[in-house]
Amino acid sequence: QVQLVESGGGLVQAGGSLRLSCAASGRTFSQYVMGWFRQAPGKEREFVAAITWNGGAKYYADSVKGRSTISRDNAKNTVFLQMNSLKPEDTAVYYCAAGRSTGSPWYKVMDHWGKGTLVTVSS
């Protein structure tokens, strides 16, 4: 069982940056594909980014491509999401997730979820 704890959310002005972190418990972190998802008020949860086991492949939603970077540190059991040029429409609860494989839709291959961290972007 993997437990995921997100941090790094907060209030930021449009155009600003945030770095989200997700710390995972357990000794099998490197065996998981890691992903970030978000859910805005009144909307469904959507895929943001994912990274494969050793970081060799990264995937992004069109809405964040070019503004966000996903990375991981397997020695520290942590995955990061660096978000730049934030927009008010990026406001959402951001969730970290772990899965054993890549696939589409991304949420279907994720087995473990964190409780989320809130990102609020003011205009």
C-alpha atoms as a PDB file:
ATOM      1  CA  GLN A   1       0.000   0.000   0.000  1.00  0.00           C
ATOM      2  CA  VAL A   2       1.269   3.452  -0.933  1.00  0.00           C
ATOM      3  CA  GLN A   3       0.257   6.552   0.959  1.00  0.00           C
ATOM      4  CA  LEU A   4       0.608   9.900  -0.752  1.00  0.00           C
ATOM      5  CA  VAL A   5       0.740  13.321   0.878  1.00  0.00           C
ATOM      6  CA  GLU A   6       0.693  16.483  -1.211  1.00  0.00           C
ATOM      7  CA  SER A   7       2.055  19.855  -0.158  1.00  0.00           C
ATOM      8  CA  GLY A   8       2.996  23.184  -1.649  1.00  0.00           C
ATOM      9  CA  GLY A   9      -0.399  24.559  -2.560  1.00  0.00           C
ATOM     10  CA  GLY A  10      -1.468  28.063  -1.677  1.00  0.00           C
ATOM     11  CA  LEU A  11      -2.603  31.423  -2.958  1.00  0.00           C
ATOM     12  CA  VAL A  12      -0.624  32.978  -5.787  1.00  0.00           C
ATOM     13  CA  GLN A  13      -1.193  35.835  -8.201  1.00  0.00           C
ATOM     14  CA  ALA A  14      -1.677  35.215 -11.890  1.00  0.00           C
ATOM     15  CA  GLY A  15       1.682  34.885 -13.586  1.00  0.00           C
ATOM     16  CA  GLY A  16       3.293  33.455 -10.486  1.00  0.00           C
ATOM     17  CA  SER A  17       4.742  30.041  -9.778  1.00  0.00           C
ATOM     18  CA  LEU A  18       4.232  27.188  -7.364  1.00  0.00           C
ATOM     19  CA  ARG A  19       6.011  23.908  -6.769  1.00  0.00           C
ATOM     20  CA  LEU A  20       3.863  21.071  -5.546  1.00  0.00           C
ATOM     21  CA  SER A  21       5.376  18.084  -3.820  1.00  0.00           C
ATOM     22  CA  CYS A  22       4.016  14.632  -3.153  1.00  0.00           C
ATOM     23  CA  ALA A  23       5.715  12.415  -0.598  1.00  0.00           C
ATOM     24  CA  ALA A  24       5.086   8.684  -0.836  1.00  0.00           C
ATOM     25  CA  SER A  25       5.420   6.090   1.872  1.00  0.00           C
ATOM     26  CA  GLY A  26       6.822   2.634   1.297  1.00  0.00           C
ATOM     27  CA  ARG A  27       9.863   1.166  -0.392  1.00  0.00           C
ATOM     28  CA  THR A  28       8.345   0.608  -3.820  1.00  0.00           C
ATOM     29  CA  PHE A  29       8.043   4.208  -5.017  1.00  0.00           C
ATOM     30  CA  SER A  30      10.303   3.621  -8.007  1.00  0.00           C
ATOM     31  CA  GLN A  31       7.919   0.907  -9.231  1.00  0.00           C
ATOM     32  CA  TYR A  32       5.088   3.380  -9.691  1.00  0.00           C
ATOM     33  CA  VAL A  33       4.126   5.710 -12.470  1.00  0.00           C
ATOM     34  CA  MET A  34       3.259   8.968 -10.751  1.00  0.00           C
ATOM     35  CA  GLY A  35       0.667  11.485 -11.833  1.00  0.00           C
ATOM     36  CA  TRP A  36      -0.874  14.807 -10.949  1.00  0.00           C
ATOM     37  CA  PHE A  37      -4.544  15.537 -11.394  1.00  0.00           C
ATOM     38  CA  ARG A  38      -6.710  18.496 -10.487  1.00  0.00           C
ATOM     39  CA  GLN A  39     -10.331  19.223  -9.772  1.00  0.00           C
ATOM     40  CA  ALA A  40     -11.782  22.689  -9.980  1.00  0.00           C
ATOM     41  CA  PRO A  41     -15.032  23.606  -8.227  1.00  0.00           C
ATOM     42  CA  GLY A  42     -17.979  22.180 -10.095  1.00  0.00           C
ATOM     43  CA  LYS A  43     -15.793  20.304 -12.565  1.00  0.00           C
ATOM     44  CA  GLU A  44     -14.595  16.752 -12.984  1.00  0.00           C
ATOM     45  CA  ARG A  45     -11.131  15.672 -11.993  1.00  0.00           C
ATOM     46  CA  GLU A  46      -8.703  16.054 -14.888  1.00  0.00           C
ATOM     47  CA  PHE A  47      -5.265  14.799 -15.755  1.00  0.00           C
ATOM     48  CA  VAL A  48      -2.402  17.286 -15.437  1.00  0.00           C
ATOM     49  CA  ALA A  49       0.873  15.395 -15.811  1.00  0.00           C
ATOM     50  CA  ALA A  50       2.508  12.001 -15.360  1.00  0.00           C
ATOM     51  CA  ILE A  51       6.016  10.604 -15.157  1.00  0.00           C
ATOM     52  CA  THR A  52       7.238   7.061 -15.642  1.00  0.00           C
ATOM     53  CA  TRP A  53       9.185   4.974 -13.153  1.00  0.00           C
ATOM     54  CA  ASN A  54      12.648   6.392 -13.789  1.00  0.00           C
ATOM     55  CA  GLY A  55      11.529   9.706 -15.203  1.00  0.00           C
ATOM     56  CA  GLY A  56      12.289   8.639 -18.741  1.00  0.00           C
ATOM     57  CA  ALA A  57       8.946   9.752 -20.098  1.00  0.00           C
ATOM     58  CA  LYS A  58       6.720  12.636 -19.117  1.00  0.00           C
ATOM     59  CA  TYR A  59       3.198  13.426 -20.198  1.00  0.00           C
ATOM     60  CA  TYR A  60       1.258  16.672 -19.943  1.00  0.00           C
ATOM     61  CA  ALA A  61      -2.240  17.906 -20.509  1.00  0.00           C
ATOM     62  CA  ASP A  62      -2.451  20.500 -23.243  1.00  0.00           C
ATOM     63  CA  SER A  63      -3.720  23.012 -20.698  1.00  0.00           C
ATOM     64  CA  VAL A  64      -0.419  22.998 -18.770  1.00  0.00           C
ATOM     65  CA  LYS A  65       2.094  22.002 -21.451  1.00  0.00           C
ATOM     66  CA  GLY A  66       4.934  24.491 -21.643  1.00  0.00           C
ATOM     67  CA  ARG A  67       4.080  25.970 -18.248  1.00  0.00           C
ATOM     68  CA  SER A  68       4.546  22.958 -15.990  1.00  0.00           C
ATOM     69  CA  THR A  69       7.257  20.398 -15.326  1.00  0.00           C
ATOM     70  CA  ILE A  70       6.832  17.081 -13.547  1.00  0.00           C
ATOM     71  CA  SER A  71       9.853  15.450 -11.945  1.00  0.00           C
ATOM     72  CA  ARG A  72      10.634  12.824  -9.344  1.00  0.00           C
ATOM     73  CA  ASP A  73      13.334  11.919  -6.857  1.00  0.00           C
ATOM     74  CA  ASN A  74      13.190   8.185  -6.246  1.00  0.00           C
ATOM     75  CA  ALA A  75      15.776   8.408  -3.469  1.00  0.00           C
ATOM     76  CA  LYS A  76      13.400  10.679  -1.569  1.00  0.00           C
ATOM     77  CA  ASN A  77      10.135   9.018  -2.619  1.00  0.00           C
ATOM     78  CA  THR A  78       8.875  12.339  -3.906  1.00  0.00           C
ATOM     79  CA  VAL A  79       7.293  13.641  -7.080  1.00  0.00           C
ATOM     80  CA  PHE A  80       7.096  17.332  -7.938  1.00  0.00           C
ATOM     81  CA  LEU A  81       5.009  19.560 -10.147  1.00  0.00           C
ATOM     82  CA  GLN A  82       6.550  22.919 -10.967  1.00  0.00           C
ATOM     83  CA  MET A  83       3.895  25.276 -12.297  1.00  0.00           C
ATOM     84  CA  ASN A  84       4.777  28.600 -13.891  1.00  0.00           C
ATOM     85  CA  SER A  85       2.797  31.403 -15.499  1.00  0.00           C
ATOM     86  CA  LEU A  86      -0.193  30.403 -13.427  1.00  0.00           C
ATOM     87  CA  LYS A  87      -3.634  31.454 -14.568  1.00  0.00           C
ATOM     88  CA  PRO A  88      -6.886  31.834 -12.621  1.00  0.00           C
ATOM     89  CA  GLU A  89      -8.200  28.776 -14.461  1.00  0.00           C
ATOM     90  CA  ASP A  90      -5.456  26.720 -12.803  1.00  0.00           C
ATOM     91  CA  THR A  91      -7.304  27.138  -9.519  1.00  0.00           C
ATOM     92  CA  ALA A  92      -8.146  23.655  -8.259  1.00  0.00           C
ATOM     93  CA  VAL A  93      -7.369  20.993  -5.733  1.00  0.00           C
ATOM     94  CA  TYR A  94      -4.321  19.149  -7.019  1.00  0.00           C
ATOM     95  CA  TYR A  95      -4.035  15.429  -6.365  1.00  0.00           C
ATOM     96  CA  CYS A  96      -1.057  13.139  -6.559  1.00  0.00           C
ATOM     97  CA  ALA A  97      -1.604   9.570  -7.731  1.00  0.00           C
ATOM     98  CA  ALA A  98       0.388   6.378  -8.225  1.00  0.00           C
ATOM     99  CA  GLY A  99      -0.159   3.530 -10.633  1.00  0.00           C
ATOM    100  CA  ARG A 100       1.625   0.473 -11.976  1.00  0.00           C
ATOM    101  CA  SER A 101       1.394   1.388 -15.642  1.00  0.00           C
ATOM    102  CA  THR A 102       0.814   4.101 -18.168  1.00  0.00           C
ATOM    103  CA  GLY A 103      -2.460   4.251 -20.034  1.00  0.00           C
ATOM    104  CA  SER A 104      -5.463   6.233 -21.111  1.00  0.00           C
ATOM    105  CA  PRO A 105      -7.468   7.566 -19.513  1.00  0.00           C
ATOM    106  CA  TRP A 106      -4.855   8.233 -16.888  1.00  0.00           C
ATOM    107  CA  TYR A 107      -7.161   8.147 -13.895  1.00  0.00           C
ATOM    108  CA  LYS A 108      -8.053   4.519 -14.654  1.00  0.00           C
ATOM    109  CA  VAL A 109      -4.461   3.307 -14.233  1.00  0.00           C
ATOM    110  CA  MET A 110      -3.922   5.062 -10.906  1.00  0.00           C
ATOM    111  CA  ASP A 111      -4.347   2.859  -7.855  1.00  0.00           C
ATOM    112  CA  HIS A 112      -3.470   5.220  -5.021  1.00  0.00           C
ATOM    113  CA  TRP A 113      -4.486   8.828  -4.426  1.00  0.00           C
ATOM    114  CA  GLY A 114      -3.521  11.566  -2.044  1.00  0.00           C
ATOM    115  CA  LYS A 115      -5.988  13.890  -0.367  1.00  0.00           C
ATOM    116  CA  GLY A 116      -5.010  16.914  -2.404  1.00  0.00           C
ATOM    117  CA  THR A 117      -3.599  20.379  -1.955  1.00  0.00           C
ATOM    118  CA  LEU A 118      -5.454  23.545  -2.899  1.00  0.00           C
ATOM    119  CA  VAL A 119      -4.022  25.957  -5.428  1.00  0.00           C
ATOM    120  CA  THR A 120      -5.736  29.312  -5.791  1.00  0.00           C
ATOM    121  CA  VAL A 121      -4.653  31.736  -8.491  1.00  0.00           C
ATOM    122  CA  SER A 122      -5.939  35.266  -8.154  1.00  0.00           C
ATOM    123  CA  SER A 123      -6.365  37.595 -11.112  1.00  0.00           C
END
